[in-house]
N, C-alpha and C. Protein backbone atom coordinates (compact mmCIF):
# COMPACT_ATOMS: atom_id res chain seq x y z
N MET A 1 -35.89 45.62 37.01
CA MET A 1 -37.30 45.47 36.71
C MET A 1 -37.81 46.66 35.91
N GLU A 2 -36.96 47.35 35.23
CA GLU A 2 -37.34 48.50 34.41
C GLU A 2 -38.19 49.45 35.21
N ASP A 3 -39.38 49.75 34.71
CA ASP A 3 -40.26 50.68 35.40
C ASP A 3 -41.29 49.96 36.28
N ARG A 4 -41.14 48.65 36.40
CA ARG A 4 -42.04 47.89 37.27
C ARG A 4 -41.58 48.00 38.71
N VAL A 5 -42.53 48.10 39.62
CA VAL A 5 -42.23 48.21 41.04
C VAL A 5 -42.96 47.10 41.77
N MET A 6 -42.24 46.42 42.66
CA MET A 6 -42.84 45.42 43.53
C MET A 6 -43.02 46.09 44.89
N ARG A 7 -44.27 46.04 45.40
CA ARG A 7 -44.54 46.76 46.65
C ARG A 7 -45.73 46.15 47.38
N GLN A 8 -45.97 46.70 48.57
CA GLN A 8 -47.13 46.29 49.34
C GLN A 8 -48.39 46.83 48.65
N PRO A 9 -49.50 46.13 48.80
CA PRO A 9 -50.75 46.64 48.22
C PRO A 9 -51.26 47.84 49.01
N GLU A 10 -51.94 48.73 48.30
CA GLU A 10 -52.55 49.90 48.91
C GLU A 10 -54.04 49.89 48.61
N ILE A 11 -54.79 50.57 49.43
CA ILE A 11 -56.25 50.57 49.28
C ILE A 11 -56.65 51.06 47.88
N GLU A 12 -55.88 51.96 47.32
CA GLU A 12 -56.18 52.48 45.99
C GLU A 12 -56.03 51.40 44.91
N ASP A 13 -55.34 50.31 45.23
CA ASP A 13 -55.12 49.21 44.27
C ASP A 13 -56.29 48.23 44.23
N LEU A 14 -57.16 48.31 45.21
CA LEU A 14 -58.15 47.24 45.41
C LEU A 14 -59.01 46.97 44.17
N ARG A 15 -59.53 48.01 43.52
CA ARG A 15 -60.39 47.81 42.34
C ARG A 15 -59.62 47.09 41.24
N GLN A 16 -58.37 47.48 41.00
CA GLN A 16 -57.57 46.84 39.96
C GLN A 16 -57.28 45.38 40.32
N ILE A 17 -57.00 45.12 41.59
CA ILE A 17 -56.73 43.75 42.03
C ILE A 17 -57.96 42.88 41.81
N ILE A 18 -59.13 43.39 42.19
CA ILE A 18 -60.39 42.63 42.01
C ILE A 18 -60.64 42.38 40.53
N ASP A 19 -60.40 43.37 39.69
CA ASP A 19 -60.59 43.19 38.25
C ASP A 19 -59.67 42.10 37.70
N ILE A 20 -58.40 42.11 38.11
CA ILE A 20 -57.47 41.07 37.66
C ILE A 20 -57.95 39.71 38.13
N GLU A 21 -58.31 39.62 39.40
CA GLU A 21 -58.80 38.36 39.97
C GLU A 21 -59.99 37.83 39.18
N ASN A 22 -60.96 38.69 38.93
CA ASN A 22 -62.18 38.27 38.22
C ASN A 22 -61.89 37.84 36.79
N ASN A 23 -60.89 38.45 36.16
CA ASN A 23 -60.54 38.10 34.79
C ASN A 23 -59.66 36.86 34.68
N CYS A 24 -58.99 36.50 35.77
CA CYS A 24 -58.04 35.39 35.72
C CYS A 24 -58.61 34.05 36.18
N PHE A 25 -59.62 34.09 37.03
CA PHE A 25 -60.06 32.83 37.66
C PHE A 25 -61.55 32.58 37.47
N PRO A 26 -61.91 31.34 37.14
CA PRO A 26 -63.33 31.01 36.99
C PRO A 26 -64.10 31.12 38.31
N VAL A 27 -63.40 30.90 39.43
CA VAL A 27 -64.02 31.06 40.74
C VAL A 27 -63.12 32.02 41.53
N PRO A 28 -63.34 33.33 41.35
CA PRO A 28 -62.46 34.31 41.99
C PRO A 28 -62.68 34.41 43.50
N TRP A 29 -61.64 34.86 44.17
CA TRP A 29 -61.75 35.15 45.60
C TRP A 29 -62.69 36.33 45.79
N SER A 30 -63.27 36.42 46.99
CA SER A 30 -64.17 37.53 47.28
C SER A 30 -63.39 38.82 47.53
N GLU A 31 -64.05 39.92 47.31
CA GLU A 31 -63.45 41.23 47.56
C GLU A 31 -63.06 41.38 49.03
N GLU A 32 -63.84 40.77 49.91
CA GLU A 32 -63.57 40.86 51.35
C GLU A 32 -62.19 40.30 51.71
N ILE A 33 -61.81 39.20 51.09
CA ILE A 33 -60.50 38.61 51.36
C ILE A 33 -59.39 39.60 51.00
N PHE A 34 -59.49 40.16 49.81
CA PHE A 34 -58.48 41.13 49.38
C PHE A 34 -58.47 42.36 50.27
N LEU A 35 -59.64 42.83 50.65
CA LEU A 35 -59.74 44.01 51.50
C LEU A 35 -59.01 43.79 52.82
N ARG A 36 -59.20 42.63 53.43
CA ARG A 36 -58.53 42.33 54.71
C ARG A 36 -57.01 42.37 54.56
N ILE A 37 -56.51 41.77 53.49
CA ILE A 37 -55.06 41.74 53.28
C ILE A 37 -54.54 43.14 52.98
N VAL A 38 -55.25 43.88 52.13
CA VAL A 38 -54.81 45.22 51.75
C VAL A 38 -54.82 46.15 52.96
N LEU A 39 -55.84 46.06 53.80
CA LEU A 39 -55.91 46.93 54.98
C LEU A 39 -54.76 46.67 55.95
N CYS A 40 -54.17 45.50 55.87
CA CYS A 40 -53.01 45.16 56.71
C CYS A 40 -51.70 45.42 55.97
N ARG A 41 -51.78 46.17 54.86
CA ARG A 41 -50.61 46.52 54.06
C ARG A 41 -49.83 45.29 53.59
N GLY A 42 -50.58 44.22 53.29
CA GLY A 42 -49.96 43.05 52.69
C GLY A 42 -49.39 42.04 53.64
N LYS A 43 -49.66 42.18 54.94
CA LYS A 43 -49.21 41.17 55.91
C LYS A 43 -50.34 40.94 56.91
N TYR A 44 -51.09 39.86 56.68
CA TYR A 44 -52.28 39.56 57.46
C TYR A 44 -51.98 38.39 58.40
N ARG A 45 -52.19 38.61 59.68
CA ARG A 45 -51.94 37.55 60.66
C ARG A 45 -53.18 36.66 60.79
N VAL A 46 -53.02 35.40 60.41
CA VAL A 46 -54.12 34.44 60.47
C VAL A 46 -54.23 33.84 61.86
N SER A 47 -53.08 33.50 62.44
CA SER A 47 -53.01 32.93 63.79
C SER A 47 -51.65 33.29 64.37
N GLU A 48 -51.36 32.72 65.52
CA GLU A 48 -50.10 33.04 66.20
C GLU A 48 -48.88 32.78 65.32
N ASP A 49 -48.93 31.75 64.51
CA ASP A 49 -47.74 31.39 63.73
C ASP A 49 -47.98 31.34 62.22
N ILE A 50 -49.11 31.83 61.75
CA ILE A 50 -49.40 31.82 60.31
C ILE A 50 -49.69 33.24 59.84
N PHE A 51 -48.95 33.65 58.80
CA PHE A 51 -49.12 34.96 58.20
C PHE A 51 -49.39 34.81 56.70
N VAL A 52 -50.25 35.66 56.18
CA VAL A 52 -50.48 35.75 54.74
C VAL A 52 -49.84 37.04 54.26
N HIS A 53 -49.06 36.94 53.18
CA HIS A 53 -48.37 38.09 52.61
C HIS A 53 -48.89 38.35 51.20
N MET A 54 -48.84 39.60 50.81
CA MET A 54 -49.23 39.96 49.45
C MET A 54 -48.29 41.03 48.92
N LYS A 55 -47.88 40.87 47.68
CA LYS A 55 -47.11 41.89 46.96
C LYS A 55 -47.82 42.15 45.65
N VAL A 56 -47.81 43.41 45.24
CA VAL A 56 -48.32 43.76 43.92
C VAL A 56 -47.16 44.24 43.07
N MET A 57 -47.29 44.06 41.79
CA MET A 57 -46.35 44.64 40.83
C MET A 57 -47.13 45.71 40.09
N ALA A 58 -46.54 46.90 40.01
CA ALA A 58 -47.22 48.01 39.37
C ALA A 58 -46.27 48.78 38.46
N ARG A 59 -46.86 49.44 37.52
CA ARG A 59 -46.13 50.33 36.62
C ARG A 59 -46.95 51.60 36.49
N GLN A 60 -46.41 52.72 36.92
CA GLN A 60 -47.07 54.02 36.82
C GLN A 60 -48.51 53.98 37.33
N GLY A 61 -48.70 53.38 38.48
CA GLY A 61 -50.02 53.33 39.10
C GLY A 61 -50.92 52.20 38.62
N LEU A 62 -50.51 51.49 37.58
CA LEU A 62 -51.30 50.38 37.06
C LEU A 62 -50.81 49.07 37.68
N VAL A 63 -51.72 48.35 38.35
CA VAL A 63 -51.36 47.06 38.92
C VAL A 63 -51.27 46.05 37.78
N ILE A 64 -50.10 45.45 37.64
CA ILE A 64 -49.83 44.46 36.59
C ILE A 64 -50.21 43.06 37.08
N GLY A 65 -49.94 42.81 38.36
CA GLY A 65 -50.23 41.50 38.91
C GLY A 65 -49.98 41.50 40.41
N TYR A 66 -50.22 40.34 41.01
CA TYR A 66 -50.02 40.21 42.46
C TYR A 66 -49.78 38.76 42.80
N ILE A 67 -49.20 38.58 43.98
CA ILE A 67 -48.99 37.24 44.51
C ILE A 67 -49.33 37.26 46.00
N ILE A 68 -49.95 36.18 46.45
CA ILE A 68 -50.33 36.03 47.85
C ILE A 68 -49.80 34.68 48.31
N TRP A 69 -49.12 34.69 49.45
CA TRP A 69 -48.62 33.43 49.99
C TRP A 69 -48.77 33.41 51.49
N GLU A 70 -48.69 32.20 52.02
CA GLU A 70 -48.84 31.96 53.45
C GLU A 70 -47.53 31.39 53.98
N GLU A 71 -47.17 31.82 55.18
CA GLU A 71 -46.01 31.26 55.88
C GLU A 71 -46.49 30.69 57.21
N SER A 72 -46.19 29.41 57.42
CA SER A 72 -46.55 28.74 58.67
C SER A 72 -45.26 28.45 59.43
N PHE A 73 -45.05 29.15 60.52
CA PHE A 73 -43.80 29.01 61.26
C PHE A 73 -43.74 27.72 62.06
N SER A 74 -44.88 27.14 62.44
CA SER A 74 -44.84 25.90 63.23
C SER A 74 -44.29 24.73 62.42
N ASP A 75 -44.61 24.70 61.13
CA ASP A 75 -44.06 23.60 60.31
C ASP A 75 -43.09 24.10 59.24
N GLU A 76 -42.70 25.38 59.34
CA GLU A 76 -41.69 25.98 58.46
C GLU A 76 -42.01 25.75 56.98
N SER A 77 -43.29 25.95 56.63
CA SER A 77 -43.69 25.73 55.24
C SER A 77 -44.43 26.94 54.69
N GLY A 78 -44.23 27.15 53.41
CA GLY A 78 -44.93 28.20 52.71
C GLY A 78 -45.93 27.61 51.74
N HIS A 79 -46.87 28.44 51.33
CA HIS A 79 -47.91 27.98 50.41
C HIS A 79 -48.30 29.16 49.52
N ILE A 80 -48.10 29.04 48.23
CA ILE A 80 -48.56 30.06 47.30
C ILE A 80 -50.07 29.90 47.20
N LEU A 81 -50.80 30.95 47.53
CA LEU A 81 -52.26 30.89 47.53
C LEU A 81 -52.86 31.45 46.25
N ASN A 82 -52.22 32.47 45.67
CA ASN A 82 -52.82 33.15 44.53
C ASN A 82 -51.74 33.92 43.79
N LEU A 83 -51.71 33.75 42.49
CA LEU A 83 -50.79 34.48 41.62
C LEU A 83 -51.55 34.83 40.36
N ALA A 84 -51.60 36.13 40.04
CA ALA A 84 -52.35 36.55 38.87
C ALA A 84 -51.65 37.73 38.20
N VAL A 85 -51.71 37.73 36.88
CA VAL A 85 -51.12 38.80 36.07
C VAL A 85 -52.17 39.22 35.04
N ARG A 86 -52.29 40.54 34.84
CA ARG A 86 -53.20 41.06 33.82
C ARG A 86 -52.94 40.34 32.50
N GLU A 87 -53.99 40.08 31.76
CA GLU A 87 -53.86 39.34 30.51
C GLU A 87 -52.90 40.01 29.54
N ASP A 88 -52.94 41.34 29.44
CA ASP A 88 -52.07 42.04 28.50
C ASP A 88 -50.64 42.19 28.99
N GLU A 89 -50.35 41.69 30.19
CA GLU A 89 -49.00 41.75 30.76
C GLU A 89 -48.38 40.38 30.93
N ARG A 90 -49.02 39.36 30.38
CA ARG A 90 -48.48 38.00 30.49
C ARG A 90 -47.39 37.77 29.47
N SER A 91 -46.60 36.75 29.71
CA SER A 91 -45.47 36.37 28.83
C SER A 91 -44.43 37.47 28.73
N LYS A 92 -44.31 38.26 29.80
CA LYS A 92 -43.31 39.33 29.85
C LYS A 92 -42.41 39.19 31.07
N GLY A 93 -42.49 38.05 31.75
CA GLY A 93 -41.66 37.81 32.93
C GLY A 93 -42.26 38.29 34.23
N ASN A 94 -43.47 38.84 34.19
CA ASN A 94 -44.07 39.38 35.41
C ASN A 94 -44.43 38.29 36.41
N GLY A 95 -45.00 37.20 35.94
CA GLY A 95 -45.34 36.10 36.83
C GLY A 95 -44.11 35.53 37.51
N ARG A 96 -43.04 35.40 36.75
CA ARG A 96 -41.80 34.85 37.31
C ARG A 96 -41.22 35.79 38.37
N LEU A 97 -41.26 37.10 38.13
CA LEU A 97 -40.76 38.05 39.13
C LEU A 97 -41.59 37.98 40.41
N LEU A 98 -42.89 37.88 40.28
CA LEU A 98 -43.75 37.76 41.45
C LEU A 98 -43.47 36.46 42.21
N LEU A 99 -43.38 35.37 41.47
CA LEU A 99 -43.11 34.07 42.09
C LEU A 99 -41.75 34.08 42.79
N ASP A 100 -40.73 34.59 42.11
CA ASP A 100 -39.40 34.65 42.71
C ASP A 100 -39.40 35.47 43.99
N ARG A 101 -40.16 36.58 44.01
CA ARG A 101 -40.23 37.43 45.19
C ARG A 101 -40.83 36.67 46.36
N ALA A 102 -41.90 35.92 46.10
CA ALA A 102 -42.55 35.16 47.17
C ALA A 102 -41.63 34.04 47.67
N LEU A 103 -41.01 33.32 46.76
CA LEU A 103 -40.12 32.23 47.17
C LEU A 103 -38.94 32.76 47.97
N LYS A 104 -38.38 33.88 47.55
CA LYS A 104 -37.28 34.49 48.28
C LYS A 104 -37.74 34.92 49.68
N GLY A 105 -38.92 35.53 49.74
CA GLY A 105 -39.46 35.95 51.04
C GLY A 105 -39.65 34.79 51.99
N MET A 106 -40.16 33.69 51.47
CA MET A 106 -40.36 32.51 52.31
C MET A 106 -39.03 31.96 52.81
N SER A 107 -38.08 31.84 51.91
CA SER A 107 -36.77 31.33 52.28
C SER A 107 -36.12 32.21 53.34
N GLU A 108 -36.18 33.52 53.14
CA GLU A 108 -35.59 34.46 54.11
C GLU A 108 -36.30 34.41 55.46
N ALA A 109 -37.58 34.05 55.45
CA ALA A 109 -38.35 33.96 56.70
C ALA A 109 -38.11 32.63 57.43
N GLY A 110 -37.34 31.73 56.81
CA GLY A 110 -37.01 30.47 57.46
C GLY A 110 -37.88 29.30 57.06
N MET A 111 -38.71 29.49 56.03
CA MET A 111 -39.49 28.35 55.56
C MET A 111 -38.55 27.34 54.90
N LYS A 112 -38.86 26.08 55.04
CA LYS A 112 -38.04 25.02 54.44
C LYS A 112 -38.60 24.52 53.12
N THR A 113 -39.92 24.67 52.96
CA THR A 113 -40.58 24.19 51.75
C THR A 113 -41.66 25.17 51.34
N CYS A 114 -42.12 25.00 50.11
CA CYS A 114 -43.28 25.75 49.62
C CYS A 114 -44.04 24.84 48.67
N GLU A 115 -45.34 24.93 48.70
CA GLU A 115 -46.14 24.20 47.72
C GLU A 115 -47.29 25.06 47.25
N LEU A 116 -47.95 24.57 46.20
CA LEU A 116 -49.10 25.25 45.64
C LEU A 116 -49.92 24.25 44.83
N GLU A 117 -51.16 24.63 44.56
CA GLU A 117 -52.04 23.84 43.70
C GLU A 117 -52.33 24.66 42.46
N VAL A 118 -52.43 23.97 41.33
CA VAL A 118 -52.74 24.64 40.07
C VAL A 118 -53.65 23.73 39.25
N ARG A 119 -54.57 24.34 38.52
CA ARG A 119 -55.44 23.55 37.65
C ARG A 119 -54.60 22.74 36.68
N GLU A 120 -54.98 21.50 36.50
CA GLU A 120 -54.24 20.62 35.60
C GLU A 120 -54.16 21.22 34.18
N SER A 121 -55.20 21.92 33.77
CA SER A 121 -55.24 22.48 32.41
C SER A 121 -54.47 23.79 32.25
N ASN A 122 -53.96 24.35 33.33
CA ASN A 122 -53.27 25.64 33.26
C ASN A 122 -51.79 25.41 32.93
N HIS A 123 -51.53 25.14 31.67
CA HIS A 123 -50.18 24.76 31.24
C HIS A 123 -49.19 25.91 31.35
N SER A 124 -49.62 27.14 31.13
CA SER A 124 -48.67 28.25 31.24
C SER A 124 -48.20 28.42 32.68
N ALA A 125 -49.11 28.30 33.64
CA ALA A 125 -48.72 28.39 35.05
C ALA A 125 -47.84 27.20 35.43
N ARG A 126 -48.18 26.03 34.96
CA ARG A 126 -47.38 24.85 35.28
C ARG A 126 -45.97 24.98 34.72
N ASP A 127 -45.84 25.54 33.52
CA ASP A 127 -44.51 25.80 32.95
C ASP A 127 -43.74 26.79 33.82
N LEU A 128 -44.41 27.85 34.27
CA LEU A 128 -43.79 28.85 35.14
C LEU A 128 -43.24 28.19 36.40
N TYR A 129 -44.03 27.36 37.05
CA TYR A 129 -43.60 26.73 38.30
C TYR A 129 -42.43 25.78 38.05
N SER A 130 -42.48 25.05 36.96
CA SER A 130 -41.37 24.14 36.63
C SER A 130 -40.09 24.92 36.37
N ARG A 131 -40.19 25.99 35.60
CA ARG A 131 -39.00 26.81 35.30
C ARG A 131 -38.42 27.44 36.56
N ALA A 132 -39.25 27.66 37.57
CA ALA A 132 -38.78 28.25 38.83
C ALA A 132 -38.17 27.20 39.76
N GLY A 133 -38.12 25.94 39.31
CA GLY A 133 -37.52 24.88 40.12
C GLY A 133 -38.48 24.08 40.95
N MET A 134 -39.78 24.34 40.80
CA MET A 134 -40.77 23.56 41.53
C MET A 134 -41.04 22.26 40.78
N MET A 135 -41.43 21.24 41.53
CA MET A 135 -41.69 19.94 40.92
C MET A 135 -43.13 19.52 41.19
N ALA A 136 -43.75 18.91 40.19
CA ALA A 136 -45.09 18.34 40.38
C ALA A 136 -44.92 17.11 41.26
N VAL A 137 -45.57 17.10 42.42
CA VAL A 137 -45.36 16.03 43.38
C VAL A 137 -46.62 15.22 43.68
N ASP A 138 -47.78 15.73 43.29
CA ASP A 138 -49.01 15.01 43.62
C ASP A 138 -50.16 15.58 42.80
N ARG A 139 -51.29 14.94 42.92
CA ARG A 139 -52.52 15.36 42.26
C ARG A 139 -53.63 15.34 43.32
N ALA A 140 -54.48 16.37 43.29
CA ALA A 140 -55.64 16.42 44.17
C ALA A 140 -56.87 16.31 43.27
N GLU A 141 -57.54 15.18 43.35
CA GLU A 141 -58.69 14.94 42.48
C GLU A 141 -59.84 15.89 42.81
N ARG A 142 -60.40 16.46 41.75
CA ARG A 142 -61.56 17.36 41.83
C ARG A 142 -61.35 18.49 42.84
N TYR A 143 -60.14 18.95 42.98
CA TYR A 143 -59.80 20.04 43.90
C TYR A 143 -60.58 21.30 43.55
N TYR A 144 -60.75 21.53 42.25
CA TYR A 144 -61.49 22.70 41.78
C TYR A 144 -62.91 22.33 41.37
N ASP A 145 -63.49 21.35 42.03
CA ASP A 145 -64.81 20.80 41.74
C ASP A 145 -64.85 20.13 40.37
N ASP A 146 -64.56 20.88 39.32
CA ASP A 146 -64.67 20.35 37.96
C ASP A 146 -63.34 19.88 37.39
N GLU A 147 -62.27 20.04 38.17
CA GLU A 147 -60.95 19.73 37.62
C GLU A 147 -59.97 19.36 38.72
N ASP A 148 -59.04 18.47 38.38
CA ASP A 148 -57.99 18.09 39.32
C ASP A 148 -56.96 19.22 39.44
N ALA A 149 -56.27 19.24 40.56
CA ALA A 149 -55.14 20.15 40.76
C ALA A 149 -53.87 19.33 40.74
N ILE A 150 -52.83 19.93 40.21
CA ILE A 150 -51.50 19.36 40.31
C ILE A 150 -50.81 20.14 41.42
N ILE A 151 -50.18 19.42 42.33
CA ILE A 151 -49.50 20.04 43.46
C ILE A 151 -48.02 20.14 43.14
N TYR A 152 -47.50 21.35 43.24
CA TYR A 152 -46.08 21.62 43.00
C TYR A 152 -45.43 21.94 44.33
N ALA A 153 -44.15 21.58 44.47
CA ALA A 153 -43.42 21.85 45.70
C ALA A 153 -41.96 22.16 45.38
N ILE A 154 -41.35 22.86 46.32
CA ILE A 154 -39.92 23.18 46.25
C ILE A 154 -39.37 23.20 47.66
N GLU A 155 -38.12 22.77 47.80
CA GLU A 155 -37.41 22.86 49.07
C GLU A 155 -36.38 23.97 48.96
N PHE A 156 -36.22 24.70 50.06
CA PHE A 156 -35.23 25.79 50.08
C PHE A 156 -33.95 25.31 50.72
């Protein structure tokens, strides 16, 4: 990964994470959500059998991107919740490295499947998921209020 480092999020990363989130999504997550995950060093316990994980990719203190996923041990399934890369760091393999890290983590944790939702119009993300071996398996109408989501899934 050259000079890129994949690691747990730190409180010092929070402003950069929020900036990436706000620049990547028309309806960004709240700062409070990120704060909760970051304060738990990237592993937030939602319930007895559900954990949310976060990894950031950084280079020399600059957060390039991040990925957040959920693992549900009761049904052995994972769910990619959020994947974002700084605009000036896209098309450099960063999204794929983040996605691969999350998928590997889920598989190693014993998850049998993983799925995610993506805006139908987000062709670059859809290409990324397809290249990673995920398949479009369904559509959720008006999932994003103004747009349908395409649901991608993969089995481990």
